[in-house]
């Protein structure tokens, strides 16, 4: 065990199936860790003996799958590697803080990939790496369409108000045919409004 090694895992958002937990248990046993696990209706717990410390990984059952919960400080390099493999394999999200020589390196991970790397030394912060946002043609088209959708929604409100006043007038004058047409028009406007809100 490397005594200078210390990693903290925070804001974990990892979801996986039972097979991935079984693979983690198999990998831990192959690496020579002493461990035991238990399961309830709500939790799956893995207790791992790492030197003199006992690390308890908690998995919560969420609709047939599992989600890891809690923050973890790991001082065992191999155990850190296995936890990071789990983050990567499940394409999960996490904030990983690596402590070394009065310095902290913070990795922000999304979908199993580092998107930002910050080095903190005392009061100083230095961004080592930040993934540039990748914009696809489809996203650009959606952005334009959403602006048009906003413009159409504001016009649609006026159309709805106008059609409601026509309906009101037709109802007051007992013009059943105009009432029917106005209700059909209002229904189509309502459907369009719902579609724009999605």
N, C-alpha and C. Protein backbone atom coordinates (compact mmCIF):
# COMPACT_ATOMS: atom_id res chain seq x y z
N UNK A 1 0.83 -1.18 0.00
CA UNK A 1 0.00 0.00 0.00
C UNK A 1 0.87 1.25 0.00
N UNK A 2 0.58 2.20 -0.87
CA UNK A 2 1.32 3.45 -0.96
C UNK A 2 0.76 4.42 0.07
N UNK A 3 1.57 4.77 1.10
CA UNK A 3 1.07 5.58 2.20
C UNK A 3 0.75 7.01 1.80
N UNK A 4 1.41 7.54 0.76
CA UNK A 4 1.18 8.92 0.34
C UNK A 4 -0.05 9.04 -0.56
N UNK A 5 -0.60 7.93 -0.91
CA UNK A 5 -1.74 7.93 -1.83
C UNK A 5 -3.04 8.18 -1.07
N UNK A 6 -3.80 9.23 -1.48
CA UNK A 6 -5.10 9.49 -0.87
C UNK A 6 -6.00 10.12 -1.93
N UNK A 7 -7.14 9.49 -2.13
CA UNK A 7 -8.10 9.97 -3.12
C UNK A 7 -9.48 10.02 -2.49
N UNK A 8 -10.20 11.13 -2.73
CA UNK A 8 -11.57 11.27 -2.24
C UNK A 8 -12.52 11.27 -3.43
N UNK A 9 -13.57 10.46 -3.32
CA UNK A 9 -14.58 10.36 -4.37
C UNK A 9 -15.87 10.98 -3.85
N UNK A 10 -16.33 12.04 -4.52
CA UNK A 10 -17.53 12.77 -4.09
C UNK A 10 -18.55 12.83 -5.22
N UNK A 11 -19.77 13.18 -4.85
CA UNK A 11 -20.86 13.40 -5.83
C UNK A 11 -20.96 12.26 -6.84
N UNK A 12 -20.81 11.05 -6.35
CA UNK A 12 -20.86 9.89 -7.24
C UNK A 12 -22.27 9.70 -7.79
N UNK A 13 -22.34 9.53 -9.09
CA UNK A 13 -23.62 9.22 -9.76
C UNK A 13 -23.32 8.08 -10.71
N UNK A 14 -23.32 6.86 -10.16
CA UNK A 14 -23.02 5.67 -10.94
C UNK A 14 -24.20 4.72 -10.84
N UNK A 15 -24.67 4.27 -11.97
CA UNK A 15 -25.78 3.31 -11.99
C UNK A 15 -25.36 2.09 -12.81
N UNK A 16 -25.67 0.92 -12.26
CA UNK A 16 -25.27 -0.30 -12.95
C UNK A 16 -26.13 -1.46 -12.51
N UNK A 17 -25.92 -2.57 -13.18
CA UNK A 17 -26.71 -3.76 -12.85
C UNK A 17 -25.93 -4.66 -11.91
N UNK A 18 -26.59 -5.70 -11.48
CA UNK A 18 -26.01 -6.64 -10.51
C UNK A 18 -24.73 -7.29 -11.05
N UNK A 19 -24.69 -7.56 -12.34
CA UNK A 19 -23.52 -8.21 -12.95
C UNK A 19 -22.25 -7.36 -12.74
N UNK A 20 -22.39 -6.02 -12.86
CA UNK A 20 -21.22 -5.15 -12.68
C UNK A 20 -20.72 -5.18 -11.23
N UNK A 21 -21.65 -5.29 -10.27
CA UNK A 21 -21.24 -5.41 -8.86
C UNK A 21 -20.52 -6.75 -8.66
N UNK A 22 -21.04 -7.81 -9.27
CA UNK A 22 -20.39 -9.12 -9.16
C UNK A 22 -19.00 -9.09 -9.78
N UNK A 23 -18.85 -8.37 -10.91
CA UNK A 23 -17.52 -8.23 -11.54
C UNK A 23 -16.56 -7.48 -10.62
N UNK A 24 -17.07 -6.45 -9.92
CA UNK A 24 -16.23 -5.71 -8.97
C UNK A 24 -15.77 -6.63 -7.84
N UNK A 25 -16.69 -7.43 -7.31
CA UNK A 25 -16.33 -8.38 -6.23
C UNK A 25 -15.27 -9.36 -6.73
N UNK A 26 -15.46 -9.88 -7.95
CA UNK A 26 -14.48 -10.81 -8.54
C UNK A 26 -13.11 -10.14 -8.67
N UNK A 27 -13.08 -8.88 -9.17
CA UNK A 27 -11.81 -8.17 -9.33
C UNK A 27 -11.13 -7.93 -7.98
N UNK A 28 -11.91 -7.59 -6.96
CA UNK A 28 -11.36 -7.37 -5.62
C UNK A 28 -10.74 -8.64 -5.06
N UNK A 29 -11.44 -9.77 -5.24
CA UNK A 29 -10.92 -11.06 -4.77
C UNK A 29 -9.64 -11.42 -5.52
N UNK A 30 -9.62 -11.21 -6.85
CA UNK A 30 -8.43 -11.51 -7.65
C UNK A 30 -7.23 -10.66 -7.23
N UNK A 31 -7.51 -9.43 -6.74
CA UNK A 31 -6.42 -8.56 -6.28
C UNK A 31 -5.97 -8.89 -4.85
N UNK A 32 -6.64 -9.87 -4.23
CA UNK A 32 -6.22 -10.34 -2.91
C UNK A 32 -6.85 -9.61 -1.74
N UNK A 33 -7.90 -8.85 -1.98
CA UNK A 33 -8.56 -8.15 -0.88
C UNK A 33 -9.41 -9.10 -0.07
N UNK A 34 -9.42 -8.87 1.24
CA UNK A 34 -10.31 -9.59 2.13
C UNK A 34 -11.61 -8.78 2.18
N UNK A 35 -12.72 -9.44 1.89
CA UNK A 35 -13.98 -8.69 1.84
C UNK A 35 -15.16 -9.58 2.16
N UNK A 36 -16.27 -8.92 2.46
CA UNK A 36 -17.54 -9.62 2.60
C UNK A 36 -18.63 -8.68 2.13
N UNK A 37 -19.76 -9.27 1.79
CA UNK A 37 -20.86 -8.45 1.29
C UNK A 37 -22.16 -8.94 1.89
N UNK A 38 -23.12 -8.03 1.92
CA UNK A 38 -24.45 -8.37 2.43
C UNK A 38 -25.48 -7.60 1.61
N UNK A 39 -26.71 -8.11 1.68
CA UNK A 39 -27.74 -7.49 0.85
C UNK A 39 -29.06 -7.45 1.63
N UNK A 40 -29.75 -6.32 1.49
CA UNK A 40 -31.11 -6.18 2.03
C UNK A 40 -32.02 -5.85 0.86
N UNK A 41 -33.27 -5.55 1.16
CA UNK A 41 -34.20 -5.16 0.10
C UNK A 41 -33.81 -3.83 -0.53
N UNK A 42 -33.09 -3.01 0.23
CA UNK A 42 -32.77 -1.66 -0.23
C UNK A 42 -31.30 -1.50 -0.61
N UNK A 43 -30.38 -2.16 0.12
CA UNK A 43 -28.94 -1.92 -0.07
C UNK A 43 -28.18 -3.20 -0.39
N UNK A 44 -27.06 -3.00 -1.12
CA UNK A 44 -26.05 -4.03 -1.31
C UNK A 44 -24.78 -3.42 -0.75
N UNK A 45 -24.17 -4.05 0.25
CA UNK A 45 -22.98 -3.50 0.90
C UNK A 45 -21.78 -4.40 0.64
N UNK A 46 -20.65 -3.77 0.31
CA UNK A 46 -19.39 -4.51 0.17
C UNK A 46 -18.41 -3.89 1.15
N UNK A 47 -17.90 -4.69 2.09
CA UNK A 47 -16.91 -4.22 3.06
C UNK A 47 -15.56 -4.78 2.64
N UNK A 48 -14.60 -3.89 2.43
CA UNK A 48 -13.28 -4.28 1.91
C UNK A 48 -12.22 -3.93 2.95
N UNK A 49 -11.40 -4.92 3.31
CA UNK A 49 -10.30 -4.69 4.24
C UNK A 49 -9.12 -4.17 3.42
N UNK A 50 -8.69 -2.92 3.73
CA UNK A 50 -7.57 -2.30 3.02
C UNK A 50 -6.54 -1.89 4.07
N UNK A 51 -5.53 -2.72 4.25
CA UNK A 51 -4.56 -2.47 5.33
C UNK A 51 -5.28 -2.59 6.66
N UNK A 52 -5.24 -1.52 7.46
CA UNK A 52 -5.94 -1.53 8.76
C UNK A 52 -7.33 -0.92 8.65
N UNK A 53 -7.66 -0.40 7.48
CA UNK A 53 -8.95 0.27 7.31
C UNK A 53 -9.98 -0.65 6.66
N UNK A 54 -11.23 -0.38 6.98
CA UNK A 54 -12.34 -1.10 6.36
C UNK A 54 -13.13 -0.09 5.53
N UNK A 55 -13.20 -0.32 4.23
CA UNK A 55 -13.95 0.56 3.34
C UNK A 55 -15.27 -0.12 3.02
N UNK A 56 -16.37 0.61 3.26
CA UNK A 56 -17.69 0.04 3.00
C UNK A 56 -18.31 0.77 1.81
N UNK A 57 -18.46 0.04 0.71
CA UNK A 57 -19.14 0.60 -0.47
C UNK A 57 -20.63 0.30 -0.34
N UNK A 58 -21.46 1.33 -0.49
CA UNK A 58 -22.91 1.18 -0.34
C UNK A 58 -23.59 1.38 -1.68
N UNK A 59 -24.37 0.40 -2.07
CA UNK A 59 -25.13 0.45 -3.31
C UNK A 59 -26.62 0.43 -2.96
N UNK A 60 -27.35 1.38 -3.47
CA UNK A 60 -28.79 1.44 -3.21
C UNK A 60 -29.54 0.88 -4.41
N UNK A 61 -30.53 0.06 -4.12
CA UNK A 61 -31.34 -0.52 -5.20
C UNK A 61 -32.32 0.54 -5.70
N UNK A 62 -32.29 0.79 -7.01
CA UNK A 62 -33.18 1.78 -7.62
C UNK A 62 -33.81 1.13 -8.85
N UNK A 63 -35.08 0.79 -8.73
CA UNK A 63 -35.87 0.17 -9.82
C UNK A 63 -35.11 -0.92 -10.58
N UNK A 64 -34.71 -1.95 -9.87
CA UNK A 64 -34.07 -3.11 -10.50
C UNK A 64 -32.59 -2.95 -10.78
N UNK A 65 -32.06 -1.75 -10.64
CA UNK A 65 -30.64 -1.51 -10.84
C UNK A 65 -30.04 -1.02 -9.53
N UNK A 66 -28.76 -0.64 -9.53
CA UNK A 66 -28.09 -0.18 -8.33
C UNK A 66 -27.42 1.16 -8.57
N UNK A 67 -27.33 1.93 -7.49
CA UNK A 67 -26.68 3.24 -7.53
C UNK A 67 -25.76 3.33 -6.33
N UNK A 68 -24.49 3.68 -6.55
CA UNK A 68 -23.56 3.81 -5.43
C UNK A 68 -23.88 5.12 -4.70
N UNK A 69 -23.86 5.08 -3.37
CA UNK A 69 -24.17 6.29 -2.60
C UNK A 69 -23.06 6.57 -1.60
N UNK A 70 -22.89 7.84 -1.24
CA UNK A 70 -21.89 8.25 -0.26
C UNK A 70 -20.62 8.77 -0.89
N UNK A 71 -19.77 9.35 -0.04
CA UNK A 71 -18.44 9.82 -0.45
C UNK A 71 -17.42 8.87 0.18
N UNK A 72 -16.29 8.69 -0.50
CA UNK A 72 -15.30 7.72 -0.04
C UNK A 72 -13.90 8.31 -0.09
N UNK A 73 -13.14 8.06 0.97
CA UNK A 73 -11.72 8.41 0.97
C UNK A 73 -10.95 7.10 0.92
N UNK A 74 -10.16 6.94 -0.14
CA UNK A 74 -9.42 5.70 -0.37
C UNK A 74 -7.92 6.01 -0.29
N UNK A 75 -7.21 5.22 0.53
CA UNK A 75 -5.77 5.42 0.68
C UNK A 75 -4.98 4.27 0.08
N UNK A 76 -5.65 3.44 -0.68
CA UNK A 76 -5.03 2.27 -1.31
C UNK A 76 -5.07 2.48 -2.82
N UNK A 77 -3.90 2.49 -3.44
CA UNK A 77 -3.80 2.81 -4.87
C UNK A 77 -4.56 1.82 -5.74
N UNK A 78 -4.44 0.53 -5.45
CA UNK A 78 -5.10 -0.49 -6.27
C UNK A 78 -6.62 -0.40 -6.13
N UNK A 79 -7.09 -0.13 -4.91
CA UNK A 79 -8.52 0.01 -4.69
C UNK A 79 -9.06 1.24 -5.44
N UNK A 80 -8.26 2.31 -5.47
CA UNK A 80 -8.63 3.50 -6.24
C UNK A 80 -8.78 3.17 -7.72
N UNK A 81 -7.84 2.39 -8.23
CA UNK A 81 -7.90 2.00 -9.65
C UNK A 81 -9.17 1.21 -9.95
N UNK A 82 -9.55 0.30 -9.04
CA UNK A 82 -10.75 -0.50 -9.25
C UNK A 82 -12.02 0.37 -9.20
N UNK A 83 -12.03 1.36 -8.28
CA UNK A 83 -13.18 2.26 -8.19
C UNK A 83 -13.28 3.13 -9.44
N UNK A 84 -12.14 3.56 -9.95
CA UNK A 84 -12.14 4.38 -11.17
C UNK A 84 -12.54 3.56 -12.39
N UNK A 85 -12.19 2.29 -12.39
CA UNK A 85 -12.64 1.40 -13.46
C UNK A 85 -14.17 1.29 -13.43
N UNK A 86 -14.72 1.23 -12.20
CA UNK A 86 -16.18 1.17 -12.03
C UNK A 86 -16.85 2.44 -12.57
N UNK A 87 -16.24 3.60 -12.28
CA UNK A 87 -16.77 4.89 -12.78
C UNK A 87 -16.74 4.89 -14.30
N UNK A 88 -15.64 4.43 -14.85
CA UNK A 88 -15.47 4.42 -16.31
C UNK A 88 -16.43 3.43 -16.97
N UNK A 89 -16.50 2.21 -16.44
CA UNK A 89 -17.34 1.16 -17.05
C UNK A 89 -18.83 1.50 -16.99
N UNK A 90 -19.24 2.20 -15.92
CA UNK A 90 -20.66 2.55 -15.80
C UNK A 90 -20.96 3.90 -16.45
N UNK A 91 -19.92 4.51 -17.04
CA UNK A 91 -20.05 5.84 -17.66
C UNK A 91 -20.73 6.81 -16.69
N UNK A 92 -20.21 6.80 -15.46
CA UNK A 92 -20.81 7.59 -14.39
C UNK A 92 -20.21 8.97 -14.24
N UNK A 93 -20.76 9.71 -13.28
CA UNK A 93 -20.32 11.06 -12.96
C UNK A 93 -19.68 11.02 -11.57
N UNK A 94 -18.64 11.83 -11.37
CA UNK A 94 -17.99 11.90 -10.07
C UNK A 94 -17.07 13.11 -10.01
N UNK A 95 -16.74 13.51 -8.78
CA UNK A 95 -15.68 14.48 -8.54
C UNK A 95 -14.61 13.73 -7.76
N UNK A 96 -13.40 13.68 -8.33
CA UNK A 96 -12.31 12.92 -7.73
C UNK A 96 -11.23 13.91 -7.29
N UNK A 97 -10.89 13.86 -5.98
CA UNK A 97 -9.86 14.76 -5.44
C UNK A 97 -8.65 13.92 -5.07
N UNK A 98 -7.50 14.23 -5.68
CA UNK A 98 -6.26 13.52 -5.40
C UNK A 98 -5.35 14.42 -4.55
N UNK A 99 -4.99 13.93 -3.36
CA UNK A 99 -4.17 14.70 -2.44
C UNK A 99 -2.72 14.23 -2.54
N UNK A 100 -1.80 15.21 -2.77
CA UNK A 100 -0.39 14.84 -2.87
C UNK A 100 0.47 16.07 -2.59
N UNK A 101 1.37 15.95 -1.62
CA UNK A 101 2.33 17.02 -1.30
C UNK A 101 1.69 18.41 -1.23
N UNK A 102 0.75 18.61 -0.32
CA UNK A 102 0.07 19.89 -0.11
C UNK A 102 -0.60 20.44 -1.36
N UNK A 103 -0.96 19.54 -2.21
CA UNK A 103 -1.58 19.92 -3.48
C UNK A 103 -2.78 19.01 -3.71
N UNK A 104 -3.83 19.57 -4.29
CA UNK A 104 -5.02 18.77 -4.61
C UNK A 104 -5.27 18.91 -6.10
N UNK A 105 -5.47 17.78 -6.75
CA UNK A 105 -5.87 17.78 -8.15
C UNK A 105 -7.31 17.28 -8.17
N UNK A 106 -8.21 18.11 -8.72
CA UNK A 106 -9.64 17.78 -8.75
C UNK A 106 -10.05 17.45 -10.18
N UNK A 107 -10.59 16.25 -10.34
CA UNK A 107 -11.08 15.80 -11.65
C UNK A 107 -12.61 15.81 -11.63
N UNK A 108 -13.20 16.49 -12.58
CA UNK A 108 -14.66 16.42 -12.76
C UNK A 108 -14.90 15.42 -13.88
N UNK A 109 -15.66 14.38 -13.58
CA UNK A 109 -15.89 13.30 -14.54
C UNK A 109 -17.37 13.24 -14.90
N UNK A 110 -17.65 13.23 -16.19
CA UNK A 110 -19.02 13.05 -16.67
C UNK A 110 -19.02 11.95 -17.71
N UNK A 111 -19.97 11.05 -17.60
CA UNK A 111 -20.09 9.91 -18.50
C UNK A 111 -18.78 9.14 -18.62
N UNK A 112 -18.07 9.00 -17.48
CA UNK A 112 -16.84 8.22 -17.44
C UNK A 112 -15.64 8.91 -18.05
N UNK A 113 -15.76 10.19 -18.36
CA UNK A 113 -14.69 10.92 -19.05
C UNK A 113 -14.36 12.20 -18.29
N UNK A 114 -13.07 12.51 -18.14
CA UNK A 114 -12.65 13.73 -17.46
C UNK A 114 -13.02 14.93 -18.33
N UNK A 115 -13.81 15.86 -17.74
CA UNK A 115 -14.17 17.05 -18.50
C UNK A 115 -13.43 18.29 -17.98
N UNK A 116 -12.92 18.19 -16.74
CA UNK A 116 -12.19 19.32 -16.18
C UNK A 116 -11.19 18.82 -15.15
N UNK A 117 -9.99 19.42 -15.18
CA UNK A 117 -8.91 19.06 -14.27
C UNK A 117 -8.37 20.35 -13.67
N UNK A 118 -8.47 20.47 -12.33
CA UNK A 118 -8.04 21.70 -11.65
C UNK A 118 -7.00 21.33 -10.59
N UNK A 119 -5.92 22.13 -10.53
CA UNK A 119 -4.89 21.93 -9.52
C UNK A 119 -5.04 23.03 -8.47
N UNK A 120 -5.15 22.63 -7.20
CA UNK A 120 -5.30 23.59 -6.11
C UNK A 120 -4.05 23.48 -5.24
N UNK A 121 -3.36 24.62 -5.07
CA UNK A 121 -2.17 24.67 -4.25
C UNK A 121 -2.30 25.90 -3.34
N UNK A 122 -2.63 25.65 -2.06
CA UNK A 122 -2.89 26.77 -1.15
C UNK A 122 -4.16 27.50 -1.59
N UNK A 123 -4.01 28.79 -1.86
CA UNK A 123 -5.15 29.60 -2.31
C UNK A 123 -5.24 29.68 -3.83
N UNK A 124 -4.25 29.12 -4.51
CA UNK A 124 -4.21 29.22 -5.98
C UNK A 124 -4.94 28.06 -6.65
N UNK A 125 -5.72 28.39 -7.69
CA UNK A 125 -6.41 27.39 -8.52
C UNK A 125 -5.87 27.53 -9.95
N UNK A 126 -5.55 26.42 -10.54
CA UNK A 126 -5.08 26.46 -11.92
C UNK A 126 -5.79 25.37 -12.71
N UNK A 127 -6.46 25.79 -13.79
CA UNK A 127 -7.16 24.82 -14.65
C UNK A 127 -6.12 24.18 -15.57
N UNK A 128 -5.93 22.88 -15.39
CA UNK A 128 -4.96 22.14 -16.19
C UNK A 128 -5.59 21.73 -17.52
N UNK A 129 -6.85 21.31 -17.44
CA UNK A 129 -7.54 20.82 -18.64
C UNK A 129 -9.03 21.10 -18.51
N UNK A 130 -9.62 21.53 -19.60
CA UNK A 130 -11.08 21.67 -19.65
C UNK A 130 -11.52 21.25 -21.05
N UNK A 131 -12.41 20.29 -21.08
CA UNK A 131 -12.89 19.78 -22.37
C UNK A 131 -13.73 20.86 -23.05
N UNK A 132 -13.40 21.09 -24.30
CA UNK A 132 -14.18 22.07 -25.06
C UNK A 132 -15.54 21.46 -25.39
N UNK A 133 -16.58 22.28 -25.31
CA UNK A 133 -17.90 21.74 -25.67
C UNK A 133 -17.95 21.39 -27.15
N UNK A 134 -18.46 20.23 -27.44
CA UNK A 134 -18.57 19.78 -28.83
C UNK A 134 -20.02 19.95 -29.26
N UNK A 135 -20.23 20.80 -30.25
CA UNK A 135 -21.59 21.09 -30.71
C UNK A 135 -21.80 20.42 -32.06
N UNK A 136 -22.86 19.63 -32.15
CA UNK A 136 -23.17 18.96 -33.41
C UNK A 136 -24.09 19.84 -34.25
N UNK A 137 -24.22 19.50 -35.52
CA UNK A 137 -25.12 20.22 -36.44
C UNK A 137 -26.55 20.11 -35.93
N UNK A 138 -26.92 18.93 -35.42
CA UNK A 138 -28.28 18.73 -34.90
C UNK A 138 -28.57 19.66 -33.74
N UNK A 139 -27.58 19.87 -32.85
CA UNK A 139 -27.78 20.77 -31.71
C UNK A 139 -27.96 22.21 -32.16
N UNK A 140 -27.22 22.61 -33.20
CA UNK A 140 -27.38 23.96 -33.75
C UNK A 140 -28.78 24.13 -34.33
N UNK A 141 -29.24 23.13 -35.07
CA UNK A 141 -30.59 23.17 -35.65
C UNK A 141 -31.63 23.26 -34.55
N UNK A 142 -31.46 22.47 -33.49
CA UNK A 142 -32.40 22.50 -32.36
C UNK A 142 -32.42 23.87 -31.71
N UNK A 143 -31.25 24.51 -31.60
CA UNK A 143 -31.17 25.84 -30.99
C UNK A 143 -31.98 26.84 -31.81
N UNK A 144 -31.84 26.78 -33.14
CA UNK A 144 -32.61 27.68 -34.01
C UNK A 144 -34.10 27.38 -33.89
N UNK A 145 -34.44 26.11 -33.88
CA UNK A 145 -35.85 25.74 -33.78
C UNK A 145 -36.45 26.18 -32.45
N UNK A 146 -35.67 26.09 -31.39
CA UNK A 146 -36.21 26.48 -30.08
C UNK A 146 -36.50 27.98 -30.05
N UNK A 147 -35.68 28.79 -30.75
CA UNK A 147 -35.95 30.22 -30.80
C UNK A 147 -37.25 30.47 -31.56
N UNK A 148 -37.40 29.75 -32.67
CA UNK A 148 -38.64 29.88 -33.45
C UNK A 148 -39.83 29.41 -32.63
N UNK A 149 -39.61 28.40 -31.82
CA UNK A 149 -40.69 27.88 -30.97
C UNK A 149 -41.12 28.93 -29.96
N UNK A 150 -40.15 29.66 -29.38
CA UNK A 150 -40.49 30.72 -28.43
C UNK A 150 -41.29 31.83 -29.11
N UNK A 151 -40.85 32.21 -30.31
CA UNK A 151 -41.57 33.26 -31.05
C UNK A 151 -42.98 32.78 -31.40
N UNK A 152 -43.11 31.54 -31.84
CA UNK A 152 -44.42 31.01 -32.20
C UNK A 152 -45.33 30.92 -30.97
N UNK A 153 -44.75 30.56 -29.80
CA UNK A 153 -45.54 30.45 -28.58
C UNK A 153 -46.16 31.79 -28.20
N UNK A 154 -45.40 32.89 -28.35
CA UNK A 154 -45.96 34.20 -28.00
C UNK A 154 -47.08 34.58 -28.96
N UNK A 155 -46.95 34.28 -30.27
CA UNK A 155 -48.01 34.55 -31.25
C UNK A 155 -49.22 33.67 -30.95
N UNK A 156 -48.93 32.43 -30.58
CA UNK A 156 -49.99 31.47 -30.30
C UNK A 156 -50.89 31.92 -29.14
N UNK A 157 -50.27 32.56 -28.15
CA UNK A 157 -51.08 33.08 -27.03
C UNK A 157 -52.10 34.10 -27.50
N UNK A 158 -51.67 34.99 -28.42
CA UNK A 158 -52.60 35.98 -28.97
C UNK A 158 -53.72 35.30 -29.76
N UNK A 159 -53.33 34.27 -30.54
CA UNK A 159 -54.33 33.54 -31.32
C UNK A 159 -55.35 32.86 -30.40
N UNK A 160 -54.85 32.28 -29.30
CA UNK A 160 -55.76 31.65 -28.33
C UNK A 160 -56.72 32.66 -27.72
N UNK A 161 -56.18 33.82 -27.31
CA UNK A 161 -57.03 34.86 -26.73
C UNK A 161 -58.09 35.33 -27.73
N UNK A 162 -57.67 35.53 -28.98
CA UNK A 162 -58.59 35.99 -30.02
C UNK A 162 -59.69 34.95 -30.26
N UNK A 163 -59.28 33.68 -30.34
CA UNK A 163 -60.25 32.61 -30.60
C UNK A 163 -61.19 32.43 -29.42
N UNK A 164 -60.72 32.63 -28.21
CA UNK A 164 -61.59 32.56 -27.03
C UNK A 164 -62.64 33.68 -27.05
N UNK A 165 -62.25 34.87 -27.50
CA UNK A 165 -63.22 35.97 -27.59
C UNK A 165 -64.28 35.68 -28.66
N UNK A 166 -63.85 35.04 -29.78
CA UNK A 166 -64.81 34.65 -30.83
C UNK A 166 -65.78 33.61 -30.28
N UNK A 167 -65.25 32.62 -29.55
CA UNK A 167 -66.09 31.59 -28.95
C UNK A 167 -67.10 32.20 -27.98
N UNK A 168 -66.63 33.12 -27.16
CA UNK A 168 -67.50 33.78 -26.18
C UNK A 168 -68.66 34.51 -26.89
N UNK A 169 -68.30 35.23 -27.92
CA UNK A 169 -69.31 35.97 -28.67
C UNK A 169 -70.32 35.03 -29.33
N UNK A 170 -69.81 33.94 -29.95
CA UNK A 170 -70.68 32.97 -30.62
C UNK A 170 -71.61 32.30 -29.62
N UNK A 171 -71.10 32.01 -28.42
CA UNK A 171 -71.93 31.37 -27.39
C UNK A 171 -73.02 32.33 -26.90
N UNK A 172 -72.67 33.59 -26.75
CA UNK A 172 -73.67 34.56 -26.31
C UNK A 172 -74.80 34.74 -27.33
N UNK A 173 -74.44 34.59 -28.62
CA UNK A 173 -75.43 34.78 -29.68
C UNK A 173 -76.04 33.45 -30.14
N UNK A 174 -75.74 32.36 -29.44
CA UNK A 174 -76.27 31.03 -29.75
C UNK A 174 -76.02 30.59 -31.19
N UNK A 175 -74.84 30.90 -31.73
CA UNK A 175 -74.47 30.46 -33.08
C UNK A 175 -73.73 29.13 -32.94
N UNK A 176 -74.47 28.05 -32.94
CA UNK A 176 -73.91 26.72 -32.65
C UNK A 176 -72.82 26.29 -33.64
N UNK A 177 -72.99 26.60 -34.91
CA UNK A 177 -71.98 26.21 -35.91
C UNK A 177 -70.66 26.94 -35.67
N UNK A 178 -70.75 28.25 -35.35
CA UNK A 178 -69.54 29.04 -35.05
C UNK A 178 -68.88 28.55 -33.76
N UNK A 179 -69.71 28.17 -32.79
CA UNK A 179 -69.17 27.62 -31.52
C UNK A 179 -68.40 26.34 -31.81
N UNK A 180 -68.95 25.45 -32.62
CA UNK A 180 -68.29 24.19 -32.96
C UNK A 180 -66.96 24.44 -33.66
N UNK A 181 -66.96 25.34 -34.68
CA UNK A 181 -65.73 25.65 -35.43
C UNK A 181 -64.67 26.26 -34.50
N UNK A 182 -65.11 27.16 -33.62
CA UNK A 182 -64.19 27.82 -32.70
C UNK A 182 -63.58 26.83 -31.72
N UNK A 183 -64.37 25.88 -31.24
CA UNK A 183 -63.85 24.85 -30.34
C UNK A 183 -62.82 23.96 -31.04
N UNK A 184 -63.06 23.62 -32.30
CA UNK A 184 -62.09 22.83 -33.08
C UNK A 184 -60.78 23.60 -33.25
N UNK A 185 -60.91 24.89 -33.55
CA UNK A 185 -59.72 25.74 -33.73
C UNK A 185 -58.94 25.82 -32.41
N UNK A 186 -59.67 26.02 -31.31
CA UNK A 186 -59.02 26.09 -29.99
C UNK A 186 -58.32 24.78 -29.63
N UNK A 187 -58.92 23.66 -29.99
CA UNK A 187 -58.31 22.35 -29.72
C UNK A 187 -57.00 22.20 -30.48
N UNK A 188 -56.98 22.60 -31.76
CA UNK A 188 -55.74 22.50 -32.55
C UNK A 188 -54.67 23.45 -32.01
N UNK A 189 -55.09 24.65 -31.56
CA UNK A 189 -54.13 25.59 -30.96
C UNK A 189 -53.58 25.03 -29.64
N UNK A 190 -54.44 24.39 -28.86
CA UNK A 190 -54.02 23.79 -27.60
C UNK A 190 -52.97 22.70 -27.83
N UNK A 191 -53.22 21.87 -28.83
CA UNK A 191 -52.27 20.77 -29.16
C UNK A 191 -50.93 21.36 -29.59
N UNK A 192 -50.96 22.41 -30.40
CA UNK A 192 -49.72 23.05 -30.86
C UNK A 192 -48.97 23.63 -29.68
N UNK A 193 -49.69 24.23 -28.76
CA UNK A 193 -49.05 24.83 -27.57
C UNK A 193 -48.38 23.75 -26.74
N UNK A 194 -49.03 22.61 -26.56
CA UNK A 194 -48.44 21.49 -25.81
C UNK A 194 -47.17 21.01 -26.49
N UNK A 195 -47.21 20.89 -27.82
CA UNK A 195 -46.04 20.43 -28.57
C UNK A 195 -44.87 21.39 -28.44
N UNK A 196 -45.16 22.69 -28.42
CA UNK A 196 -44.10 23.69 -28.28
C UNK A 196 -43.46 23.65 -26.90
N UNK A 197 -44.24 23.31 -25.89
CA UNK A 197 -43.72 23.24 -24.52
C UNK A 197 -42.84 22.02 -24.30
N UNK A 198 -43.01 20.94 -25.09
CA UNK A 198 -42.17 19.75 -24.99
C UNK A 198 -40.84 20.04 -25.57
